Amino acid sequence: MKYNGPKVKLSRQLGIPLTPKASKIMERKPHPPGAHGLSRNRRAKVSDYKRQLLEKQRLRWQYNISEKQMRNYYEKASRKTGNTADNLATLLETRLDAVVFRGGLARTIHAARQYVTHGHVEVNGQRVNIPSYHVRVNDVISVRQKSRKIAMFNDAVKLSRPPEYLDTNKPELSITVLAQPDRERIPVVCEFPLVIEYYSR
């Protein structure tokens, strides 16, 4: 999903920071953008549909995917055995661009997508340029040897704090998938049951 709009404005609309810059600005301006942002932020009564829509949009933009992709992931999650919300969380979190971001090789999900599409990333030694590529347990995701001198990777990995289902080797600029991520351990801001309610209407 290519998005070229202002990410700070989008972050303020959603109420969650999508980039480090948005996080800093939202400390000063936590309300929605626009002349009526403060008054909109104070409204207490919100319909069930609006809450569901907001959570769906929050989840979609945290993974930087299109509405069509999001619906496809929901349908795939609902066909799998087990809890649909858990399945959806796992499917999204095992996207290649999500692992690159979560493991600390990129500072934002948008940068992670760009790095993958530009051919800087390998999976088990093979170059993969598809952001939606599904990674599996024991897969090793790394920066290509020719790209390892690029400052953006080294700068990003210094600040990385990967979740416990990923192991990041900072000197080697690589990530090993240790386990399937479960919903409770995935660091996203979202009430997954509301997203499932939105799509199951």
N, C-alpha and C. Protein backbone atom coordinates (compact mmCIF):
# COMPACT_ATOMS: atom_id res chain seq x y z
N MET A 1 0.86 -1.19 0.00
CA MET A 1 0.00 0.00 0.00
C MET A 1 0.88 1.22 0.00
N LYS A 2 0.88 1.99 -1.08
CA LYS A 2 1.71 3.18 -1.17
C LYS A 2 0.93 4.37 -0.64
N TYR A 3 1.45 4.98 0.42
CA TYR A 3 0.80 6.16 1.00
C TYR A 3 1.80 7.30 1.05
N ASN A 4 1.48 8.39 0.35
CA ASN A 4 2.39 9.52 0.28
C ASN A 4 1.89 10.73 1.05
N GLY A 5 0.78 10.58 1.77
CA GLY A 5 0.22 11.69 2.52
C GLY A 5 0.97 11.95 3.81
N PRO A 6 0.59 13.00 4.53
CA PRO A 6 1.26 13.32 5.80
C PRO A 6 0.95 12.29 6.88
N LYS A 7 1.96 11.59 7.33
CA LYS A 7 1.74 10.51 8.30
C LYS A 7 1.43 11.03 9.70
N VAL A 8 1.89 12.26 10.00
CA VAL A 8 1.57 12.83 11.30
C VAL A 8 0.08 13.13 11.38
N LYS A 9 -0.47 13.68 10.32
CA LYS A 9 -1.91 13.99 10.29
C LYS A 9 -2.73 12.70 10.39
N LEU A 10 -2.31 11.68 9.65
CA LEU A 10 -3.01 10.39 9.71
C LEU A 10 -2.92 9.81 11.12
N SER A 11 -1.76 9.93 11.74
CA SER A 11 -1.58 9.42 13.10
C SER A 11 -2.52 10.11 14.07
N ARG A 12 -2.66 11.41 13.95
CA ARG A 12 -3.54 12.16 14.84
C ARG A 12 -5.00 11.82 14.61
N GLN A 13 -5.36 11.52 13.36
CA GLN A 13 -6.73 11.09 13.07
C GLN A 13 -7.04 9.75 13.73
N LEU A 14 -6.06 8.85 13.71
CA LEU A 14 -6.25 7.50 14.26
C LEU A 14 -6.04 7.46 15.76
N GLY A 15 -5.29 8.44 16.29
CA GLY A 15 -5.01 8.46 17.72
C GLY A 15 -3.85 7.58 18.13
N ILE A 16 -3.03 7.18 17.16
CA ILE A 16 -1.84 6.36 17.45
C ILE A 16 -0.68 6.86 16.58
N PRO A 17 0.54 6.88 17.12
CA PRO A 17 1.69 7.32 16.31
C PRO A 17 2.15 6.24 15.35
N LEU A 18 2.25 6.58 14.07
CA LEU A 18 2.69 5.62 13.06
C LEU A 18 4.18 5.75 12.75
N THR A 19 4.80 6.86 13.20
CA THR A 19 6.22 7.09 12.97
C THR A 19 6.82 7.72 14.22
N PRO A 20 8.15 7.67 14.37
CA PRO A 20 8.78 8.34 15.51
C PRO A 20 8.48 9.84 15.54
N LYS A 21 8.42 10.48 14.38
CA LYS A 21 8.10 11.90 14.32
C LYS A 21 6.69 12.15 14.83
N ALA A 22 5.75 11.31 14.43
CA ALA A 22 4.36 11.46 14.88
C ALA A 22 4.26 11.28 16.38
N SER A 23 5.07 10.39 16.94
CA SER A 23 5.05 10.16 18.38
C SER A 23 5.44 11.41 19.14
N LYS A 24 6.46 12.11 18.66
CA LYS A 24 6.91 13.34 19.31
C LYS A 24 5.86 14.44 19.22
N ILE A 25 5.28 14.60 18.05
CA ILE A 25 4.30 15.66 17.85
C ILE A 25 3.02 15.39 18.63
N MET A 26 2.63 14.12 18.72
CA MET A 26 1.39 13.78 19.42
C MET A 26 1.52 13.94 20.94
N GLU A 27 2.73 14.05 21.44
CA GLU A 27 2.88 14.36 22.86
C GLU A 27 2.39 15.78 23.14
N ARG A 28 2.53 16.65 22.16
CA ARG A 28 2.07 18.04 22.30
C ARG A 28 0.65 18.22 21.77
N LYS A 29 0.31 17.44 20.74
CA LYS A 29 -0.99 17.58 20.09
C LYS A 29 -1.67 16.22 19.99
N PRO A 30 -2.20 15.70 21.10
CA PRO A 30 -2.81 14.37 21.07
C PRO A 30 -4.19 14.32 20.43
N HIS A 31 -4.79 15.48 20.20
CA HIS A 31 -6.14 15.54 19.64
C HIS A 31 -6.10 15.43 18.12
N PRO A 32 -7.26 15.14 17.47
CA PRO A 32 -7.31 15.05 16.01
C PRO A 32 -6.92 16.37 15.36
N PRO A 33 -6.48 16.35 14.09
CA PRO A 33 -6.09 17.58 13.42
C PRO A 33 -7.29 18.43 13.03
N GLY A 34 -7.04 19.68 12.70
CA GLY A 34 -8.11 20.57 12.25
C GLY A 34 -8.58 21.52 13.32
N ALA A 35 -9.36 22.51 12.87
CA ALA A 35 -9.84 23.57 13.77
C ALA A 35 -10.72 23.03 14.89
N HIS A 36 -11.42 21.93 14.63
CA HIS A 36 -12.34 21.37 15.62
C HIS A 36 -11.80 20.10 16.27
N GLY A 37 -10.48 19.90 16.16
CA GLY A 37 -9.88 18.69 16.69
C GLY A 37 -10.08 18.52 18.18
N LEU A 38 -9.93 19.62 18.93
CA LEU A 38 -10.08 19.54 20.38
C LEU A 38 -11.50 19.16 20.78
N SER A 39 -12.48 19.78 20.12
CA SER A 39 -13.88 19.49 20.46
C SER A 39 -14.26 18.09 20.05
N ARG A 40 -13.73 17.60 18.91
CA ARG A 40 -14.02 16.23 18.47
C ARG A 40 -13.44 15.23 19.44
N ASN A 41 -12.31 15.58 20.01
CA ASN A 41 -11.64 14.67 20.94
C ASN A 41 -12.42 14.51 22.25
N ARG A 42 -13.26 15.49 22.56
CA ARG A 42 -13.99 15.46 23.83
C ARG A 42 -15.32 14.72 23.74
N ARG A 43 -15.75 14.40 22.53
CA ARG A 43 -17.04 13.72 22.39
C ARG A 43 -16.99 12.36 23.07
N ALA A 44 -17.97 12.13 23.91
CA ALA A 44 -17.97 10.90 24.70
C ALA A 44 -18.73 9.77 24.00
N LYS A 45 -19.80 10.13 23.27
CA LYS A 45 -20.66 9.11 22.69
C LYS A 45 -20.20 8.74 21.29
N VAL A 46 -19.85 7.48 21.09
CA VAL A 46 -19.41 6.98 19.79
C VAL A 46 -20.19 5.71 19.49
N SER A 47 -20.69 5.60 18.26
CA SER A 47 -21.47 4.42 17.88
C SER A 47 -20.58 3.19 17.80
N ASP A 48 -21.21 2.01 17.91
CA ASP A 48 -20.47 0.75 17.80
C ASP A 48 -19.78 0.65 16.45
N TYR A 49 -20.49 1.07 15.40
CA TYR A 49 -19.91 0.99 14.05
C TYR A 49 -18.66 1.86 13.94
N LYS A 50 -18.73 3.06 14.51
CA LYS A 50 -17.57 3.96 14.42
C LYS A 50 -16.38 3.39 15.18
N ARG A 51 -16.63 2.78 16.33
CA ARG A 51 -15.55 2.16 17.10
C ARG A 51 -14.92 1.01 16.29
N GLN A 52 -15.77 0.20 15.66
CA GLN A 52 -15.26 -0.90 14.86
C GLN A 52 -14.45 -0.39 13.67
N LEU A 53 -14.97 0.64 13.00
CA LEU A 53 -14.29 1.22 11.85
C LEU A 53 -12.93 1.80 12.25
N LEU A 54 -12.90 2.50 13.37
CA LEU A 54 -11.65 3.10 13.83
C LEU A 54 -10.60 2.03 14.13
N GLU A 55 -11.00 0.95 14.80
CA GLU A 55 -10.05 -0.11 15.10
C GLU A 55 -9.55 -0.79 13.83
N LYS A 56 -10.45 -0.96 12.86
CA LYS A 56 -10.03 -1.56 11.59
C LYS A 56 -9.02 -0.66 10.89
N GLN A 57 -9.28 0.64 10.87
CA GLN A 57 -8.36 1.58 10.23
C GLN A 57 -7.03 1.64 10.97
N ARG A 58 -7.10 1.61 12.29
CA ARG A 58 -5.85 1.61 13.06
C ARG A 58 -4.99 0.40 12.71
N LEU A 59 -5.62 -0.76 12.66
CA LEU A 59 -4.88 -1.98 12.36
C LEU A 59 -4.33 -1.93 10.93
N ARG A 60 -5.15 -1.50 10.02
CA ARG A 60 -4.74 -1.46 8.60
C ARG A 60 -3.54 -0.56 8.39
N TRP A 61 -3.56 0.62 9.00
CA TRP A 61 -2.46 1.56 8.78
C TRP A 61 -1.22 1.19 9.56
N GLN A 62 -1.36 0.46 10.67
CA GLN A 62 -0.15 0.02 11.38
C GLN A 62 0.64 -1.01 10.56
N TYR A 63 -0.05 -1.68 9.64
CA TYR A 63 0.64 -2.61 8.74
C TYR A 63 0.77 -2.05 7.33
N ASN A 64 0.24 -0.83 7.10
CA ASN A 64 0.38 -0.15 5.82
C ASN A 64 -0.13 -1.00 4.66
N ILE A 65 -1.34 -1.52 4.80
CA ILE A 65 -1.92 -2.35 3.74
C ILE A 65 -3.23 -1.74 3.26
N SER A 66 -3.65 -2.15 2.09
CA SER A 66 -4.88 -1.63 1.49
C SER A 66 -6.11 -2.28 2.12
N GLU A 67 -7.26 -1.70 1.86
CA GLU A 67 -8.51 -2.27 2.37
C GLU A 67 -8.75 -3.65 1.77
N LYS A 68 -8.43 -3.81 0.50
CA LYS A 68 -8.61 -5.11 -0.15
C LYS A 68 -7.74 -6.18 0.50
N GLN A 69 -6.48 -5.83 0.79
CA GLN A 69 -5.59 -6.76 1.47
C GLN A 69 -6.12 -7.11 2.86
N MET A 70 -6.61 -6.08 3.56
CA MET A 70 -7.11 -6.28 4.91
C MET A 70 -8.28 -7.25 4.91
N ARG A 71 -9.20 -7.08 3.99
CA ARG A 71 -10.35 -7.98 3.91
C ARG A 71 -9.92 -9.39 3.55
N ASN A 72 -8.96 -9.49 2.66
CA ASN A 72 -8.46 -10.82 2.28
C ASN A 72 -7.84 -11.54 3.47
N TYR A 73 -7.10 -10.78 4.29
CA TYR A 73 -6.51 -11.38 5.49
C TYR A 73 -7.60 -11.83 6.47
N TYR A 74 -8.65 -11.03 6.60
CA TYR A 74 -9.75 -11.43 7.48
C TYR A 74 -10.40 -12.72 6.99
N GLU A 75 -10.66 -12.79 5.68
CA GLU A 75 -11.30 -13.98 5.12
C GLU A 75 -10.42 -15.22 5.29
N LYS A 76 -9.13 -15.04 5.11
CA LYS A 76 -8.20 -16.15 5.30
C LYS A 76 -8.17 -16.58 6.76
N ALA A 77 -8.17 -15.60 7.68
CA ALA A 77 -8.16 -15.89 9.11
C ALA A 77 -9.43 -16.62 9.55
N SER A 78 -10.57 -16.23 8.95
CA SER A 78 -11.84 -16.84 9.35
C SER A 78 -11.97 -18.28 8.85
N ARG A 79 -11.22 -18.62 7.80
CA ARG A 79 -11.27 -19.99 7.28
C ARG A 79 -10.37 -20.94 8.06
N LYS A 80 -9.40 -20.39 8.77
CA LYS A 80 -8.49 -21.23 9.55
C LYS A 80 -9.16 -21.68 10.84
N THR A 81 -8.71 -22.79 11.38
CA THR A 81 -9.25 -23.25 12.66
C THR A 81 -8.72 -22.37 13.79
N GLY A 82 -9.47 -22.28 14.86
CA GLY A 82 -9.05 -21.46 15.99
C GLY A 82 -9.73 -20.10 16.02
N ASN A 83 -9.25 -19.25 16.90
CA ASN A 83 -9.83 -17.92 17.08
C ASN A 83 -9.47 -17.02 15.90
N THR A 84 -10.50 -16.42 15.29
CA THR A 84 -10.27 -15.59 14.10
C THR A 84 -9.40 -14.38 14.40
N ALA A 85 -9.58 -13.74 15.55
CA ALA A 85 -8.77 -12.58 15.92
C ALA A 85 -7.30 -12.97 16.06
N ASP A 86 -7.05 -14.11 16.69
CA ASP A 86 -5.67 -14.59 16.84
C ASP A 86 -5.06 -14.92 15.48
N ASN A 87 -5.85 -15.56 14.63
CA ASN A 87 -5.37 -15.91 13.29
C ASN A 87 -5.03 -14.66 12.49
N LEU A 88 -5.88 -13.65 12.58
CA LEU A 88 -5.65 -12.41 11.84
C LEU A 88 -4.37 -11.73 12.31
N ALA A 89 -4.18 -11.67 13.62
CA ALA A 89 -2.98 -11.05 14.18
C ALA A 89 -1.72 -11.76 13.69
N THR A 90 -1.74 -13.09 13.68
CA THR A 90 -0.58 -13.87 13.26
C THR A 90 -0.29 -13.68 11.78
N LEU A 91 -1.33 -13.68 10.95
CA LEU A 91 -1.15 -13.49 9.51
C LEU A 91 -0.51 -12.14 9.20
N LEU A 92 -0.97 -11.10 9.87
CA LEU A 92 -0.42 -9.76 9.62
C LEU A 92 1.01 -9.64 10.13
N GLU A 93 1.26 -10.22 11.29
CA GLU A 93 2.58 -10.07 11.92
C GLU A 93 3.65 -10.91 11.23
N THR A 94 3.27 -11.88 10.43
CA THR A 94 4.26 -12.70 9.73
C THR A 94 4.49 -12.24 8.29
N ARG A 95 3.98 -11.07 7.94
CA ARG A 95 4.36 -10.45 6.68
C ARG A 95 5.84 -10.08 6.75
N LEU A 96 6.53 -10.15 5.62
CA LEU A 96 7.96 -9.87 5.62
C LEU A 96 8.25 -8.43 6.04
N ASP A 97 7.48 -7.47 5.54
CA ASP A 97 7.77 -6.08 5.91
C ASP A 97 7.51 -5.84 7.40
N ALA A 98 6.53 -6.54 7.97
CA ALA A 98 6.26 -6.40 9.40
C ALA A 98 7.42 -6.95 10.24
N VAL A 99 8.00 -8.06 9.80
CA VAL A 99 9.12 -8.66 10.53
C VAL A 99 10.36 -7.77 10.42
N VAL A 100 10.60 -7.21 9.25
CA VAL A 100 11.73 -6.28 9.07
C VAL A 100 11.59 -5.08 10.00
N PHE A 101 10.38 -4.55 10.10
CA PHE A 101 10.13 -3.42 11.00
C PHE A 101 10.22 -3.83 12.46
N ARG A 102 9.54 -4.90 12.82
CA ARG A 102 9.48 -5.32 14.21
C ARG A 102 10.86 -5.77 14.73
N GLY A 103 11.65 -6.35 13.84
CA GLY A 103 12.97 -6.80 14.24
C GLY A 103 13.99 -5.69 14.34
N GLY A 104 13.64 -4.50 13.86
CA GLY A 104 14.51 -3.34 14.03
C GLY A 104 15.38 -2.98 12.85
N LEU A 105 15.15 -3.57 11.69
CA LEU A 105 15.94 -3.20 10.52
C LEU A 105 15.39 -1.98 9.83
N ALA A 106 14.22 -1.52 10.25
CA ALA A 106 13.61 -0.29 9.72
C ALA A 106 12.93 0.45 10.85
N ARG A 107 12.90 1.77 10.78
CA ARG A 107 12.32 2.55 11.86
C ARG A 107 10.81 2.69 11.75
N THR A 108 10.27 2.47 10.54
CA THR A 108 8.82 2.53 10.34
C THR A 108 8.40 1.39 9.42
N ILE A 109 7.11 1.08 9.45
CA ILE A 109 6.59 0.04 8.55
C ILE A 109 6.68 0.50 7.10
N HIS A 110 6.59 1.81 6.88
CA HIS A 110 6.69 2.35 5.53
C HIS A 110 8.10 2.17 4.98
N ALA A 111 9.10 2.41 5.82
CA ALA A 111 10.48 2.19 5.40
C ALA A 111 10.74 0.71 5.15
N ALA A 112 10.19 -0.15 6.00
CA ALA A 112 10.38 -1.59 5.83
C ALA A 112 9.85 -2.06 4.48
N ARG A 113 8.69 -1.55 4.11
CA ARG A 113 8.10 -1.92 2.82
C ARG A 113 9.01 -1.49 1.67
N GLN A 114 9.55 -0.29 1.79
CA GLN A 114 10.43 0.23 0.76
C GLN A 114 11.72 -0.59 0.65
N TYR A 115 12.30 -0.95 1.79
CA TYR A 115 13.52 -1.74 1.77
C TYR A 115 13.30 -3.09 1.09
N VAL A 116 12.16 -3.70 1.37
CA VAL A 116 11.86 -5.00 0.76
C VAL A 116 11.67 -4.86 -0.74
N THR A 117 10.85 -3.91 -1.15
CA THR A 117 10.57 -3.75 -2.59
C THR A 117 11.80 -3.34 -3.38
N HIS A 118 12.75 -2.67 -2.73
CA HIS A 118 13.98 -2.25 -3.41
C HIS A 118 15.04 -3.35 -3.42
N GLY A 119 14.72 -4.51 -2.87
CA GLY A 119 15.61 -5.66 -2.97
C GLY A 119 16.75 -5.70 -1.98
N HIS A 120 16.59 -5.00 -0.84
CA HIS A 120 17.65 -5.00 0.17
C HIS A 120 17.57 -6.18 1.14
N VAL A 121 16.49 -6.96 1.08
CA VAL A 121 16.23 -7.97 2.10
C VAL A 121 16.26 -9.39 1.53
N GLU A 122 16.84 -10.29 2.31
CA GLU A 122 16.87 -11.70 1.95
C GLU A 122 16.15 -12.54 3.00
N VAL A 123 15.58 -13.66 2.56
CA VAL A 123 15.00 -14.65 3.47
C VAL A 123 15.72 -15.96 3.22
N ASN A 124 16.41 -16.44 4.24
CA ASN A 124 17.20 -17.67 4.13
C ASN A 124 18.19 -17.60 2.97
N GLY A 125 18.80 -16.42 2.79
CA GLY A 125 19.82 -16.25 1.77
C GLY A 125 19.31 -15.95 0.38
N GLN A 126 18.00 -15.90 0.18
CA GLN A 126 17.42 -15.62 -1.12
C GLN A 126 16.72 -14.25 -1.09
N ARG A 127 17.01 -13.42 -2.09
CA ARG A 127 16.38 -12.11 -2.13
C ARG A 127 14.89 -12.23 -2.35
N VAL A 128 14.12 -11.50 -1.54
CA VAL A 128 12.66 -11.48 -1.65
C VAL A 128 12.23 -10.01 -1.68
N ASN A 129 11.48 -9.62 -2.70
CA ASN A 129 11.06 -8.22 -2.82
C ASN A 129 9.55 -8.05 -2.74
N ILE A 130 8.90 -8.99 -2.06
CA ILE A 130 7.44 -8.95 -1.90
C ILE A 130 7.13 -8.68 -0.42
N PRO A 131 6.63 -7.50 -0.08
CA PRO A 131 6.36 -7.16 1.33
C PRO A 131 5.41 -8.11 2.02
N SER A 132 4.45 -8.69 1.28
CA SER A 132 3.46 -9.58 1.89
C SER A 132 3.94 -11.02 2.02
N TYR A 133 5.17 -11.29 1.65
CA TYR A 133 5.72 -12.64 1.75
C TYR A 133 5.55 -13.15 3.17
N HIS A 134 5.07 -14.40 3.30
CA HIS A 134 4.79 -14.98 4.61
C HIS A 134 6.03 -15.67 5.16
N VAL A 135 6.53 -15.19 6.29
CA VAL A 135 7.70 -15.82 6.92
C VAL A 135 7.24 -16.89 7.91
N ARG A 136 8.11 -17.85 8.15
CA ARG A 136 7.80 -18.98 9.02
C ARG A 136 8.82 -19.10 10.14
N VAL A 137 8.48 -19.91 11.11
CA VAL A 137 9.39 -20.15 12.23
C VAL A 137 10.71 -20.70 11.71
N ASN A 138 11.82 -20.20 12.25
CA ASN A 138 13.20 -20.55 11.90
C ASN A 138 13.70 -19.86 10.63
N ASP A 139 12.86 -19.09 9.95
CA ASP A 139 13.35 -18.30 8.83
C ASP A 139 14.32 -17.23 9.33
N VAL A 140 15.34 -16.96 8.52
CA VAL A 140 16.31 -15.91 8.85
C VAL A 140 16.17 -14.79 7.82
N ILE A 141 15.82 -13.61 8.30
CA ILE A 141 15.64 -12.44 7.44
C ILE A 141 16.86 -11.55 7.65
N SER A 142 17.51 -11.17 6.57
CA SER A 142 18.74 -10.39 6.70
C SER A 142 18.84 -9.33 5.61
N VAL A 143 19.70 -8.36 5.86
CA VAL A 143 20.01 -7.34 4.86
C VAL A 143 21.05 -7.93 3.91
N ARG A 144 20.87 -7.73 2.62
CA ARG A 144 21.82 -8.24 1.64
C ARG A 144 23.22 -7.73 1.92
N GLN A 145 24.20 -8.54 1.62
CA GLN A 145 25.59 -8.18 1.89
C GLN A 145 25.96 -6.84 1.26
N LYS A 146 25.49 -6.59 0.04
CA LYS A 146 25.82 -5.35 -0.66
C LYS A 146 25.17 -4.13 -0.02
N SER A 147 24.14 -4.35 0.78
CA SER A 147 23.40 -3.22 1.37
C SER A 147 23.78 -2.94 2.82
N ARG A 148 24.65 -3.76 3.39
CA ARG A 148 24.92 -3.66 4.83
C ARG A 148 25.69 -2.41 5.24
N LYS A 149 26.33 -1.75 4.30
CA LYS A 149 27.07 -0.53 4.63
C LYS A 149 26.17 0.71 4.61
N ILE A 150 24.92 0.55 4.19
CA ILE A 150 23.99 1.68 4.13
C ILE A 150 23.63 2.09 5.55
N ALA A 151 23.77 3.37 5.84
CA ALA A 151 23.62 3.87 7.21
C ALA A 151 22.23 3.63 7.79
N MET A 152 21.20 3.65 6.95
CA MET A 152 19.83 3.58 7.48
C MET A 152 19.57 2.28 8.23
N PHE A 153 20.20 1.19 7.80
CA PHE A 153 20.01 -0.08 8.49
C PHE A 153 20.73 -0.09 9.83
N ASN A 154 21.97 0.37 9.83
CA ASN A 154 22.75 0.40 11.07
C ASN A 154 22.18 1.37 12.09
N ASP A 155 21.64 2.50 11.62
CA ASP A 155 21.03 3.47 12.52
C ASP A 155 19.77 2.89 13.15
N ALA A 156 18.96 2.19 12.33
CA ALA A 156 17.70 1.63 12.83
C ALA A 156 17.93 0.53 13.84
N VAL A 157 18.87 -0.37 13.56
CA VAL A 157 19.06 -1.54 14.41
C VAL A 157 19.62 -1.18 15.78
N LYS A 158 20.33 -0.05 15.87
CA LYS A 158 20.85 0.39 17.17
C LYS A 158 19.73 0.65 18.17
N LEU A 159 18.57 1.08 17.66
CA LEU A 159 17.44 1.43 18.52
C LEU A 159 16.42 0.29 18.63
N SER A 160 16.73 -0.85 18.06
CA SER A 160 15.74 -1.93 17.98
C SER A 160 15.47 -2.57 19.33
N ARG A 161 14.20 -2.90 19.53
CA ARG A 161 13.75 -3.65 20.71
C ARG A 161 12.76 -4.70 20.23
N PRO A 162 13.27 -5.77 19.63
CA PRO A 162 12.38 -6.77 19.04
C PRO A 162 11.56 -7.51 20.08
N PRO A 163 10.36 -7.92 19.72
CA PRO A 163 9.55 -8.75 20.64
C PRO A 163 10.20 -10.11 20.82
N GLU A 164 9.75 -10.84 21.82
CA GLU A 164 10.43 -12.08 22.20
C GLU A 164 10.32 -13.20 21.17
N TYR A 165 9.42 -13.08 20.20
CA TYR A 165 9.32 -14.12 19.18
C TYR A 165 10.30 -13.88 18.02
N LEU A 166 11.08 -12.79 18.10
CA LEU A 166 12.11 -12.52 17.11
C LEU A 166 13.46 -12.36 17.82
N ASP A 167 14.52 -12.82 17.16
CA ASP A 167 15.87 -12.64 17.68
C ASP A 167 16.66 -11.83 16.66
N THR A 168 17.08 -10.63 17.05
CA THR A 168 17.82 -9.76 16.14
C THR A 168 19.31 -9.81 16.44
N ASN A 169 20.08 -10.15 15.41
CA ASN A 169 21.53 -10.14 15.49
C ASN A 169 21.99 -8.80 14.92
N LYS A 170 22.28 -7.86 15.80
CA LYS A 170 22.59 -6.50 15.35
C LYS A 170 23.85 -6.41 14.50
N PRO A 171 24.96 -7.06 14.89
CA PRO A 171 26.16 -6.98 14.04
C PRO A 171 25.95 -7.55 12.64
N GLU A 172 25.13 -8.61 12.54
CA GLU A 172 24.90 -9.27 11.25
C GLU A 172 23.71 -8.69 10.49
N LEU A 173 22.98 -7.77 11.12
CA LEU A 173 21.76 -7.19 10.52
C LEU A 173 20.82 -8.30 10.06
N SER A 174 20.52 -9.22 10.98
CA SER A 174 19.63 -10.33 10.64
C SER A 174 18.62 -10.57 11.75
N ILE A 175 17.52 -11.19 11.38
CA ILE A 175 16.44 -11.51 12.31
C ILE A 175 16.08 -12.97 12.14
N THR A 176 15.96 -13.69 13.25
CA THR A 176 15.51 -15.08 13.21
C THR A 176 14.13 -15.16 13.85
N VAL A 177 13.20 -15.80 13.16
CA VAL A 177 11.85 -15.99 13.69
C VAL A 177 11.88 -17.17 14.64
N LEU A 178 11.70 -16.92 15.92
CA LEU A 178 11.80 -17.96 16.94
C LEU A 178 10.50 -18.72 17.15
N ALA A 179 9.37 -18.04 16.96
CA ALA A 179 8.07 -18.65 17.23
C ALA A 179 6.99 -17.91 16.48
N GLN A 180 5.83 -18.53 16.36
CA GLN A 180 4.68 -17.85 15.77
C GLN A 180 4.22 -16.76 16.74
N PRO A 181 4.05 -15.55 16.28
CA PRO A 181 3.60 -14.49 17.20
C PRO A 181 2.15 -14.70 17.61
N ASP A 182 1.86 -14.53 18.89
CA ASP A 182 0.47 -14.59 19.32
C ASP A 182 -0.02 -13.19 19.64
N ARG A 183 -1.31 -13.02 19.65
CA ARG A 183 -1.92 -11.69 19.72
C ARG A 183 -1.48 -10.89 20.94
N GLU A 184 -1.33 -11.55 22.07
CA GLU A 184 -0.99 -10.84 23.30
C GLU A 184 0.40 -10.24 23.26
N ARG A 185 1.29 -10.81 22.46
CA ARG A 185 2.68 -10.34 22.43
C ARG A 185 2.98 -9.40 21.26
N ILE A 186 2.02 -9.21 20.38
CA ILE A 186 2.25 -8.35 19.22
C ILE A 186 2.08 -6.89 19.62
N PRO A 187 3.10 -6.07 19.43
CA PRO A 187 3.03 -4.67 19.87
C PRO A 187 2.27 -3.74 18.92
N VAL A 188 0.98 -3.97 18.77
CA VAL A 188 0.14 -3.07 18.00
C VAL A 188 -0.97 -2.54 18.90
N VAL A 189 -1.47 -1.37 18.54
CA VAL A 189 -2.57 -0.76 19.29
C VAL A 189 -3.86 -1.09 18.55
N CYS A 190 -4.58 -2.07 19.04
CA CYS A 190 -5.81 -2.48 18.35
C CYS A 190 -6.62 -3.43 19.22
N GLU A 191 -7.93 -3.26 19.19
CA GLU A 191 -8.84 -4.21 19.80
C GLU A 191 -9.32 -5.15 18.68
N PHE A 192 -8.62 -6.24 18.52
CA PHE A 192 -8.89 -7.15 17.40
C PHE A 192 -10.34 -7.63 17.33
N PRO A 193 -11.01 -7.91 18.46
CA PRO A 193 -12.40 -8.35 18.37
C PRO A 193 -13.30 -7.34 17.64
N LEU A 194 -13.02 -6.05 17.79
CA LEU A 194 -13.82 -5.03 17.10
C LEU A 194 -13.60 -5.09 15.59
N VAL A 195 -12.38 -5.42 15.18
CA VAL A 195 -12.09 -5.56 13.75
C VAL A 195 -12.87 -6.76 13.19
N ILE A 196 -12.89 -7.84 13.95
CA ILE A 196 -13.64 -9.03 13.50
C ILE A 196 -15.12 -8.70 13.41
N GLU A 197 -15.64 -7.94 14.37
CA GLU A 197 -17.05 -7.54 14.34
C GLU A 197 -17.33 -6.69 13.12
N TYR A 198 -16.40 -5.81 12.75
CA TYR A 198 -16.60 -4.95 11.58
C TYR A 198 -16.76 -5.78 10.32
N TYR A 199 -15.88 -6.76 10.12
CA TYR A 199 -15.92 -7.52 8.88
C TYR A 199 -17.00 -8.61 8.89
N SER A 200 -17.47 -8.99 10.05
CA SER A 200 -18.48 -10.06 10.11
C SER A 200 -19.90 -9.51 10.12
N ARG A 201 -20.05 -8.21 9.91
CA ARG A 201 -21.41 -7.64 9.90
C ARG A 201 -22.23 -8.22 8.74
